[in-house]
Amino acid sequence: MVTITPKAAAEIQKIIAQENSGELALRVGVQGGGCSGLSYFLSLDKDARPDDKVFESSGVKVYLDSKSALYLEGTEVDFTDGLQGSGFTFKNPNAQRTCGCGHSFQA
């Protein structure tokens, strides 16, 4: 499964609260594209899809489609906030190569 760090969970819960549209879950996935072949994506979603794995990590409900699960097993989603900007980061043990921005990878 995918792990959400407490720092990332706090940021996600803050974003969900700002959306003010009921119960939302974090959708984590991969899609084709980026400089290394696959890119990560995060979005908020109300409903799980039939092939989703549904679980909770650090108090955040997570939806993960079965195809993305193949590439993201063991991945940690964190949030960084520093001098060079802020955003979500991915530590993926399945990535053989990543791009400089950290948002795309090759498995």
C-alpha atoms as a PDB file:
ATOM      1  CA  MET A   1       0.000   0.000   0.000  1.00  0.00           C
ATOM      2  CA  VAL A   2       0.850   3.687  -0.063  1.00  0.00           C
ATOM      3  CA  THR A   3       1.802   5.456   3.173  1.00  0.00           C
ATOM      4  CA  ILE A   4       0.817   9.053   3.889  1.00  0.00           C
ATOM      5  CA  THR A   5       3.153  10.764   6.380  1.00  0.00           C
ATOM      6  CA  PRO A   6       1.601  12.746   9.227  1.00  0.00           C
ATOM      7  CA  LYS A   7       2.856  16.005   7.673  1.00  0.00           C
ATOM      8  CA  ALA A   8       1.253  15.151   4.312  1.00  0.00           C
ATOM      9  CA  ALA A   9      -1.932  14.026   6.077  1.00  0.00           C
ATOM     10  CA  ALA A  10      -2.209  17.392   7.859  1.00  0.00           C
ATOM     11  CA  GLU A  11      -1.876  19.236   4.536  1.00  0.00           C
ATOM     12  CA  ILE A  12      -4.400  16.950   2.821  1.00  0.00           C
ATOM     13  CA  GLN A  13      -6.909  17.402   5.651  1.00  0.00           C
ATOM     14  CA  LYS A  14      -6.450  21.182   5.413  1.00  0.00           C
ATOM     15  CA  ILE A  15      -7.164  21.067   1.662  1.00  0.00           C
ATOM     16  CA  ILE A  16     -10.219  18.836   2.191  1.00  0.00           C
ATOM     17  CA  ALA A  17     -11.555  21.263   4.815  1.00  0.00           C
ATOM     18  CA  GLN A  18     -11.135  24.161   2.356  1.00  0.00           C
ATOM     19  CA  GLU A  19     -13.082  22.254  -0.306  1.00  0.00           C
ATOM     20  CA  ASN A  20     -16.073  22.099   2.059  1.00  0.00           C
ATOM     21  CA  SER A  21     -17.843  19.543  -0.120  1.00  0.00           C
ATOM     22  CA  GLY A  22     -18.511  16.655   2.221  1.00  0.00           C
ATOM     23  CA  GLU A  23     -16.428  13.564   2.716  1.00  0.00           C
ATOM     24  CA  LEU A  24     -13.539  13.387   0.290  1.00  0.00           C
ATOM     25  CA  ALA A  25     -10.749  10.858  -0.125  1.00  0.00           C
ATOM     26  CA  LEU A  26      -7.289  11.244  -1.606  1.00  0.00           C
ATOM     27  CA  ARG A  27      -6.889   9.519  -4.950  1.00  0.00           C
ATOM     28  CA  VAL A  28      -3.267   8.513  -5.577  1.00  0.00           C
ATOM     29  CA  GLY A  29      -2.217   7.203  -8.954  1.00  0.00           C
ATOM     30  CA  VAL A  30       0.131   7.172 -11.894  1.00  0.00           C
ATOM     31  CA  GLN A  31      -0.430   8.097 -15.510  1.00  0.00           C
ATOM     32  CA  GLY A  32       1.655   8.017 -18.638  1.00  0.00           C
ATOM     33  CA  GLY A  33       3.770  11.101 -19.235  1.00  0.00           C
ATOM     34  CA  GLY A  34       6.457  13.191 -17.645  1.00  0.00           C
ATOM     35  CA  CYS A  35      10.133  13.163 -18.509  1.00  0.00           C
ATOM     36  CA  SER A  36      10.665   9.626 -17.199  1.00  0.00           C
ATOM     37  CA  GLY A  37       7.618   7.836 -18.619  1.00  0.00           C
ATOM     38  CA  LEU A  38       5.147   7.783 -15.707  1.00  0.00           C
ATOM     39  CA  SER A  39       3.972  10.640 -13.534  1.00  0.00           C
ATOM     40  CA  TYR A  40       2.321  10.718 -10.148  1.00  0.00           C
ATOM     41  CA  PHE A  41      -1.016  12.367  -9.530  1.00  0.00           C
ATOM     42  CA  LEU A  42      -3.041  13.285  -6.484  1.00  0.00           C
ATOM     43  CA  SER A  43      -6.652  14.386  -6.509  1.00  0.00           C
ATOM     44  CA  LEU A  44      -9.664  14.486  -4.228  1.00  0.00           C
ATOM     45  CA  ASP A  45     -12.559  12.182  -4.970  1.00  0.00           C
ATOM     46  CA  LYS A  46     -15.933  11.504  -3.363  1.00  0.00           C
ATOM     47  CA  ASP A  47     -16.489   7.980  -4.613  1.00  0.00           C
ATOM     48  CA  ALA A  48     -14.347   4.898  -4.985  1.00  0.00           C
ATOM     49  CA  ARG A  49     -14.300   3.116  -8.332  1.00  0.00           C
ATOM     50  CA  PRO A  50     -14.990  -0.632  -8.602  1.00  0.00           C
ATOM     51  CA  ASP A  51     -11.285  -1.565  -9.008  1.00  0.00           C
ATOM     52  CA  ASP A  52      -9.997   0.771  -6.255  1.00  0.00           C
ATOM     53  CA  LYS A  53      -8.175  -0.370  -3.179  1.00  0.00           C
ATOM     54  CA  VAL A  54      -9.633   1.670  -0.321  1.00  0.00           C
ATOM     55  CA  PHE A  55      -7.627   2.160   2.860  1.00  0.00           C
ATOM     56  CA  GLU A  56      -6.647   4.720   5.455  1.00  0.00           C
ATOM     57  CA  SER A  57      -3.194   6.100   6.208  1.00  0.00           C
ATOM     58  CA  SER A  58      -2.462   8.682   8.920  1.00  0.00           C
ATOM     59  CA  GLY A  59      -6.177   9.444   9.169  1.00  0.00           C
ATOM     60  CA  VAL A  60      -6.635  10.060   5.423  1.00  0.00           C
ATOM     61  CA  LYS A  61      -8.953   7.865   3.358  1.00  0.00           C
ATOM     62  CA  VAL A  62      -7.090   6.811   0.197  1.00  0.00           C
ATOM     63  CA  TYR A  63      -8.300   5.442  -3.161  1.00  0.00           C
ATOM     64  CA  LEU A  64      -5.726   3.596  -5.272  1.00  0.00           C
ATOM     65  CA  ASP A  65      -6.653   1.972  -8.580  1.00  0.00           C
ATOM     66  CA  SER A  66      -5.328  -1.522  -9.211  1.00  0.00           C
ATOM     67  CA  LYS A  67      -3.070  -0.493 -12.129  1.00  0.00           C
ATOM     68  CA  SER A  68      -1.392   2.276 -10.142  1.00  0.00           C
ATOM     69  CA  ALA A  69      -0.990  -0.080  -7.180  1.00  0.00           C
ATOM     70  CA  LEU A  70       1.471  -2.144  -9.237  1.00  0.00           C
ATOM     71  CA  TYR A  71       3.802   0.876  -9.509  1.00  0.00           C
ATOM     72  CA  LEU A  72       3.185   2.435  -6.095  1.00  0.00           C
ATOM     73  CA  GLU A  73       3.475  -0.493  -3.665  1.00  0.00           C
ATOM     74  CA  GLY A  74       5.503   0.736  -0.683  1.00  0.00           C
ATOM     75  CA  THR A  75       5.496   4.402  -1.768  1.00  0.00           C
ATOM     76  CA  GLU A  76       5.511   7.138   0.854  1.00  0.00           C
ATOM     77  CA  VAL A  77       3.747  10.444   0.163  1.00  0.00           C
ATOM     78  CA  ASP A  78       5.192  13.339   2.173  1.00  0.00           C
ATOM     79  CA  PHE A  79       4.810  17.107   2.187  1.00  0.00           C
ATOM     80  CA  THR A  80       7.747  19.498   2.178  1.00  0.00           C
ATOM     81  CA  ASP A  81       7.629  23.185   2.902  1.00  0.00           C
ATOM     82  CA  GLY A  82      10.957  24.913   2.529  1.00  0.00           C
ATOM     83  CA  LEU A  83      12.923  27.681   0.894  1.00  0.00           C
ATOM     84  CA  GLN A  84      12.730  26.042  -2.517  1.00  0.00           C
ATOM     85  CA  GLY A  85       8.954  25.723  -2.407  1.00  0.00           C
ATOM     86  CA  SER A  86       6.347  23.448  -0.991  1.00  0.00           C
ATOM     87  CA  GLY A  87       4.528  20.420  -2.293  1.00  0.00           C
ATOM     88  CA  PHE A  88       3.939  16.714  -2.054  1.00  0.00           C
ATOM     89  CA  THR A  89       6.852  14.363  -2.621  1.00  0.00           C
ATOM     90  CA  PHE A  90       6.974  10.656  -3.414  1.00  0.00           C
ATOM     91  CA  LYS A  91       9.494   8.115  -2.132  1.00  0.00           C
ATOM     92  CA  ASN A  92       8.880   5.159  -4.417  1.00  0.00           C
ATOM     93  CA  PRO A  93      10.991   2.008  -3.932  1.00  0.00           C
ATOM     94  CA  ASN A  94       9.826   0.733  -7.348  1.00  0.00           C
ATOM     95  CA  ALA A  95      11.238   3.672  -9.310  1.00  0.00           C
ATOM     96  CA  GLN A  96      14.325   2.684 -11.296  1.00  0.00           C
ATOM     97  CA  ARG A  97      14.877   6.235 -12.469  1.00  0.00           C
ATOM     98  CA  THR A  98      13.311   9.578 -11.549  1.00  0.00           C
ATOM     99  CA  CYS A  99      13.407  12.995 -13.134  1.00  0.00           C
ATOM    100  CA  GLY A 100      14.906  16.053 -11.495  1.00  0.00           C
ATOM    101  CA  CYS A 101      11.532  17.449 -10.409  1.00  0.00           C
ATOM    102  CA  GLY A 102      10.590  14.216  -8.617  1.00  0.00           C
ATOM    103  CA  HIS A 103       7.143  14.038 -10.201  1.00  0.00           C
ATOM    104  CA  SER A 104       7.832  11.405 -12.819  1.00  0.00           C
ATOM    105  CA  PHE A 105       9.608   8.079 -12.777  1.00  0.00           C
ATOM    106  CA  GLN A 106      10.427   4.929 -14.701  1.00  0.00           C
ATOM    107  CA  ALA A 107       9.609   1.532 -13.225  1.00  0.00           C
END
